[in-house]
Protein backbone atom coordinates (compact mmCIF):
# COMPACT_ATOMS: atom_id res chain seq x y z
CA MET A 1 0.01 0.23 0.29
CA LYS A 2 1.14 3.53 -1.07
CA VAL A 3 -0.24 7.14 -0.69
CA CYS A 4 -0.77 9.29 -3.11
CA PRO A 5 1.24 12.63 -2.74
CA TYR A 6 -1.28 14.92 -4.13
CA CYS A 7 -4.60 13.68 -2.55
CA ALA A 8 -3.45 11.04 -0.03
CA GLU A 9 -5.37 8.49 -1.41
CA GLU A 10 -4.27 4.80 -0.64
CA LEU A 11 -3.39 3.07 -3.25
CA ALA A 12 -2.21 -0.47 -4.15
CA ASP A 13 1.96 -0.48 -4.80
CA ASP A 14 1.87 -1.17 -8.67
CA VAL A 15 -0.67 1.61 -9.55
CA VAL A 16 1.18 4.89 -10.91
CA ALA A 17 -1.68 7.27 -11.93
CA CYS A 18 -4.08 7.54 -8.94
CA THR A 19 -7.19 6.80 -9.10
CA GLN A 20 -8.84 9.66 -7.28
CA CYS A 21 -7.03 12.67 -8.70
CA GLY A 22 -5.02 10.98 -11.60
CA ARG A 23 -1.87 12.62 -11.18
CA ASP A 24 1.45 10.62 -11.74
CA THR A 25 2.32 8.82 -7.75
CA THR A 26 5.76 8.31 -9.30
CA VAL A 27 6.75 12.10 -9.51
CA GLU A 28 7.69 13.62 -6.05
CA PRO A 29 5.32 16.88 -5.69
CA GLU A 30 7.22 20.38 -6.24
CA TRP A 31 6.24 21.68 -3.17
CA ARG A 32 7.60 18.74 -1.51
CA ARG A 33 11.25 18.92 -3.24
CA SER A 34 13.54 21.32 -1.11
CA PRO A 35 16.25 22.44 -3.49
CA GLU A 36 18.47 22.60 -0.78
CA PRO A 37 18.24 22.26 3.65
CA ILE A 38 16.98 25.13 5.08
CA PRO A 39 19.30 26.02 8.20
CA THR A 40 18.29 26.19 11.80
CA PRO A 41 19.23 29.72 13.61
CA SER A 42 21.11 29.43 16.43
CA ALA A 43 19.94 30.72 19.80
CA GLU A 44 22.09 33.53 19.63
CA GLU A 45 20.89 34.63 16.17
CA ILE A 46 17.30 34.16 17.62
CA VAL A 47 17.80 36.17 20.10
CA ARG A 48 19.97 39.21 18.26
CA ALA A 49 16.91 38.84 15.97
CA SER A 50 14.06 39.40 18.45
CA ALA A 51 15.77 42.04 20.37
CA GLY A 52 15.99 43.90 16.97
CA ARG A 53 12.15 43.60 17.19
CA SER A 54 11.17 44.22 20.74
CA PRO A 55 9.53 47.65 21.88
CA ALA A 56 12.50 48.03 24.65
CA GLY A 57 14.99 50.79 24.17
CA GLU A 58 18.38 50.72 22.56
CA THR A 59 19.45 49.46 26.31
CA GLY A 60 17.19 46.75 26.45
CA GLU A 61 15.06 48.53 29.41
CA ARG A 62 11.50 47.00 29.45
CA VAL A 63 8.69 49.49 28.46
CA GLY A 64 5.38 48.87 30.56
CA MET A 65 2.16 50.55 30.17
CA ASP A 66 1.73 54.45 29.79
CA PRO A 67 1.15 56.03 33.60
CA LEU A 68 -0.84 58.68 31.89
CA ALA A 69 -2.98 56.59 29.91
CA ILE A 70 -3.82 54.22 33.09
CA ALA A 71 -4.60 57.44 35.34
CA ALA A 72 -6.80 58.77 32.13
CA PHE A 73 -8.74 55.60 32.21
CA LEU A 74 -8.88 55.22 36.14
CA ALA A 75 -10.19 59.11 36.23
CA ALA A 76 -12.53 57.94 33.17
CA ILE A 77 -14.19 55.04 35.74
CA GLY A 78 -14.49 57.07 38.89
CA ALA A 79 -15.95 59.85 37.67
CA GLY A 80 -18.27 57.65 36.40
CA ILE A 81 -19.18 55.79 38.86
CA PHE A 82 -18.52 58.68 41.14
CA GLY A 83 -21.11 61.02 39.67
CA GLU A 84 -23.88 58.90 39.24
CA ALA A 85 -23.67 57.69 43.02
CA ALA A 86 -22.56 61.55 43.95
CA ALA A 87 -24.98 63.21 41.60
CA PHE A 88 -22.89 65.67 40.63
CA PRO A 89 -23.93 69.11 40.41
CA VAL A 90 -24.01 69.70 36.43
CA ALA A 91 -21.68 72.04 36.32
CA LEU A 92 -19.64 70.34 38.29
CA GLY A 93 -19.90 66.87 36.30
CA VAL A 94 -19.29 68.68 32.84
CA LEU A 95 -16.03 69.98 34.54
CA VAL A 96 -15.01 66.87 35.36
CA HIS A 97 -15.83 64.85 31.76
CA ALA A 98 -14.14 67.61 30.11
CA GLY A 99 -11.28 67.14 32.27
CA VAL A 100 -10.96 63.08 31.67
CA VAL A 101 -10.81 63.76 27.96
CA GLY A 102 -8.30 66.15 27.95
CA LEU A 103 -6.44 64.06 30.02
CA GLY A 104 -7.12 60.84 27.36
CA LEU A 105 -6.10 62.86 24.72
CA ALA A 106 -2.72 63.80 26.37
CA ALA A 107 -2.45 60.43 27.10
CA MET A 108 -3.00 59.41 23.48
CA ARG A 109 -0.37 61.75 22.46
CA GLN A 110 2.51 61.02 24.94
CA THR A 111 1.64 57.12 24.16
CA ARG A 112 1.92 57.43 20.53
CA ALA A 113 5.49 59.66 21.08
CA ARG A 114 7.32 57.27 22.99
CA PRO A 115 10.58 56.18 20.96
CA ALA A 116 10.58 52.92 22.53
CA GLY A 117 7.11 52.04 22.26
CA GLY A 118 5.02 50.61 25.02
CA SER A 119 1.21 50.03 25.46
CA GLY A 120 -2.09 52.12 26.89
CA TYR A 121 -3.10 53.73 23.68
CA GLY A 122 -6.02 51.46 24.01
CA PHE A 123 -6.75 52.60 27.48
CA ALA A 124 -5.97 56.63 26.66
CA VAL A 125 -9.08 55.52 23.81
CA ALA A 126 -11.01 54.27 26.31
CA ALA A 127 -11.00 57.45 28.56
CA VAL A 128 -11.70 60.00 25.58
CA VAL A 129 -14.76 57.68 24.69
CA LEU A 130 -16.19 57.49 28.28
CA GLY A 131 -15.34 61.01 29.00
CA SER A 132 -17.32 61.98 26.28
CA ILE A 133 -20.63 59.85 27.16
CA GLY A 134 -20.16 61.24 30.46
CA LEU A 135 -20.22 64.99 28.74
CA ILE A 136 -22.89 63.78 26.02
CA GLY A 137 -25.14 63.07 29.37
CA TYR A 138 -24.63 66.37 31.13
CA GLY A 139 -25.22 68.06 27.92
CA ARG A 140 -28.47 66.47 27.67
CA ALA A 141 -29.00 67.63 31.27
CA LEU A 142 -28.05 71.13 30.23
CA ILE A 143 -30.81 70.89 27.28
CA ILE A 144 -33.56 69.73 29.27
């Protein structure tokens, strides 16, 4: 018993053309032929290649979450929770949420400007979105 290299149909040993796909089973498929063996990189080459793609700076320091982005996100969450629980006056609510939007925008700029990369852009965007939702809520109260 042999297997067709193209469609994996089980064939008798004396069959030349596959009964399923009709291809010649004596010829090895081109995708199975390798002109030369692929060299396996050494551990040192792997480490060197991954260091070039890492978000760390040239000195190899780790780059963590942007603190301003975290602060903006926590401020947005806090403003939403405490604003609902404490029933901020409308003027104070608008001021707090406008501050959250400003803090989130500053965090977005700072996160994108970091030369070594880093993360936190998503938290900054979430802060801007949540602050904007709060502004819409208090704005609606101003209209009514």
